Amino acid sequence: MNRIFREYMLILSAILFGIGIGMTVIGFLWYFTFIQSNIANSIIEDFVKRIGNWGWWILIPAPFVSVAGGWYFFDQILSRKKFNGLVDTNSKAGLVRNTGKIEGMMWKLPEKYRIRFEEKKKKFRIK
């Protein structure tokens, strides 16, 4: 299960971030229409009637979902960028110096990054 999350964390976190943003928009539309009952837009009024009292169940968790999704999404992007910067070196000493950082980072990256690191270690003949 952990491996599945690691392999698809970028996609899953992007989906979670998108759902959170969508829930936030829907929740705020519901809330402000609920507060201001004199809105003349019939489409929004119809939308709010369909949501009913579920608006609170959409609005309350929405910021948490979007923050969690955004956090993991940008963490994945930054970790991948940092990994690429540390591994793309032509210096054996630089790779040996950064081995601890790279290995600490690999637990949250997909399997292809571990394979790439192992190939780089074989290239420089590092155990």
Protein backbone atom coordinates (compact mmCIF):
# COMPACT_ATOMS: atom_id res chain seq x y z
CA MET A 1 0.00 0.00 0.00
CA ASN A 2 2.82 2.40 0.87
CA ARG A 3 4.52 1.59 -2.43
CA ILE A 4 1.38 2.53 -4.37
CA PHE A 5 1.20 5.88 -2.62
CA ARG A 6 4.88 6.50 -3.29
CA GLU A 7 4.62 5.64 -6.97
CA TYR A 8 1.58 7.80 -7.62
CA MET A 9 1.96 10.52 -4.98
CA LEU A 10 2.34 13.33 -7.50
CA ILE A 11 -0.85 12.40 -9.34
CA LEU A 12 -2.81 11.63 -6.16
CA SER A 13 -1.77 14.87 -4.49
CA ALA A 14 -2.64 16.89 -7.62
CA ILE A 15 -6.09 15.28 -7.67
CA LEU A 16 -6.53 15.91 -3.94
CA PHE A 17 -5.45 19.54 -4.40
CA GLY A 18 -7.90 19.99 -7.28
CA ILE A 19 -10.75 18.42 -5.31
CA GLY A 20 -9.96 20.68 -2.35
CA ILE A 21 -9.99 23.79 -4.51
CA GLY A 22 -13.26 22.68 -6.12
CA MET A 23 -14.82 21.96 -2.74
CA THR A 24 -13.71 25.38 -1.49
CA VAL A 25 -15.30 27.14 -4.45
CA ILE A 26 -18.53 25.15 -4.12
CA GLY A 27 -18.63 25.69 -0.35
CA PHE A 28 -18.10 29.43 -0.60
CA LEU A 29 -20.70 29.73 -3.37
CA TRP A 30 -23.14 27.88 -1.13
CA TYR A 31 -22.24 29.93 1.95
CA PHE A 32 -22.48 33.36 0.36
CA THR A 33 -25.70 32.45 -1.45
CA PHE A 34 -27.05 31.04 1.80
CA ILE A 35 -26.25 34.32 3.59
CA GLN A 36 -27.38 36.61 0.77
CA SER A 37 -30.78 35.26 -0.18
CA ASN A 38 -31.55 38.13 -2.58
CA ILE A 39 -29.31 36.89 -5.42
CA ALA A 40 -31.01 37.23 -8.80
CA ASN A 41 -29.02 34.49 -10.54
CA SER A 42 -31.34 31.52 -10.89
CA ILE A 43 -28.52 29.10 -11.78
CA ILE A 44 -26.71 29.72 -8.49
CA GLU A 45 -29.99 29.58 -6.53
CA ASP A 46 -30.83 26.24 -8.14
CA PHE A 47 -27.33 24.99 -7.34
CA VAL A 48 -27.65 26.04 -3.69
CA LYS A 49 -31.04 24.35 -3.38
CA ARG A 50 -29.55 21.11 -4.70
CA ILE A 51 -26.75 21.20 -2.15
CA GLY A 52 -29.13 21.91 0.70
CA ASN A 53 -27.61 21.52 4.17
CA TRP A 54 -24.65 19.59 2.74
CA GLY A 55 -22.89 22.91 2.18
CA TRP A 56 -21.36 22.83 5.64
CA TRP A 57 -20.02 19.32 4.99
CA ILE A 58 -18.37 20.65 1.85
CA LEU A 59 -17.13 23.97 3.22
CA ILE A 60 -15.55 22.83 6.50
CA PRO A 61 -13.14 20.10 5.24
CA ALA A 62 -12.38 21.91 1.96
CA PRO A 63 -9.47 24.06 3.20
CA PHE A 64 -7.88 21.08 4.93
CA VAL A 65 -8.14 18.94 1.79
CA SER A 66 -6.67 21.66 -0.41
CA VAL A 67 -3.82 22.41 2.02
CA ALA A 68 -2.94 18.70 2.38
CA GLY A 69 -3.07 18.13 -1.38
CA GLY A 70 -1.04 21.26 -2.10
CA TRP A 71 1.53 20.39 0.55
CA TYR A 72 2.18 16.91 -0.83
CA PHE A 73 2.07 18.12 -4.45
CA PHE A 74 4.68 20.84 -3.96
CA ASP A 75 6.75 18.60 -1.68
CA GLN A 76 6.94 16.01 -4.46
CA ILE A 77 7.95 18.61 -7.03
CA LEU A 78 10.65 20.10 -4.77
CA SER A 79 11.97 16.67 -3.75
CA ARG A 80 12.25 15.56 -7.37
CA LYS A 81 14.01 18.78 -8.33
CA LYS A 82 16.44 18.49 -5.41
CA PHE A 83 17.10 14.81 -6.20
CA ASN A 84 17.86 15.64 -9.82
CA GLY A 85 20.24 18.37 -8.75
CA LEU A 86 22.11 16.08 -6.35
CA VAL A 87 22.33 13.05 -8.64
CA ASP A 88 23.20 14.85 -11.87
CA THR A 89 26.83 15.32 -10.95
CA ASN A 90 30.00 14.28 -12.73
CA SER A 91 31.95 14.13 -9.49
CA LYS A 92 32.28 10.96 -7.45
CA ALA A 93 33.18 13.00 -4.36
CA GLY A 94 30.04 15.12 -4.79
CA LEU A 95 27.87 12.03 -5.02
CA VAL A 96 29.50 10.42 -1.98
CA ARG A 97 29.10 13.67 -0.02
CA ASN A 98 25.39 13.87 -0.84
CA THR A 99 24.57 10.15 -0.45
CA GLY A 100 22.97 10.67 2.97
CA LYS A 101 20.70 13.44 1.67
CA ILE A 102 19.73 11.41 -1.38
CA GLU A 103 18.95 8.26 0.60
CA GLY A 104 16.90 10.29 3.08
CA MET A 105 14.92 11.76 0.22
CA MET A 106 14.29 8.50 -1.63
CA TRP A 107 11.71 7.14 0.83
CA LYS A 108 9.12 9.55 -0.57
CA LEU A 109 10.06 9.30 -4.26
CA PRO A 110 8.99 6.63 -6.78
CA GLU A 111 11.05 3.51 -7.48
CA LYS A 112 12.58 4.90 -10.67
CA TYR A 113 14.56 7.40 -8.61
CA ARG A 114 16.08 4.64 -6.48
CA ILE A 115 17.03 2.75 -9.64
CA ARG A 116 18.58 5.89 -11.11
CA PHE A 117 20.60 6.44 -7.94
CA GLU A 118 21.81 2.82 -7.95
CA GLU A 119 22.91 3.16 -11.59
CA LYS A 120 24.81 6.34 -10.75
CA LYS A 121 26.52 4.54 -7.84
CA LYS A 122 27.50 1.69 -10.16
CA LYS A 123 28.90 4.19 -12.66
CA PHE A 124 31.21 5.62 -10.00
CA ARG A 125 31.81 2.18 -8.38
CA ILE A 126 30.40 3.19 -5.01
CA LYS A 127 29.11 0.50 -2.64
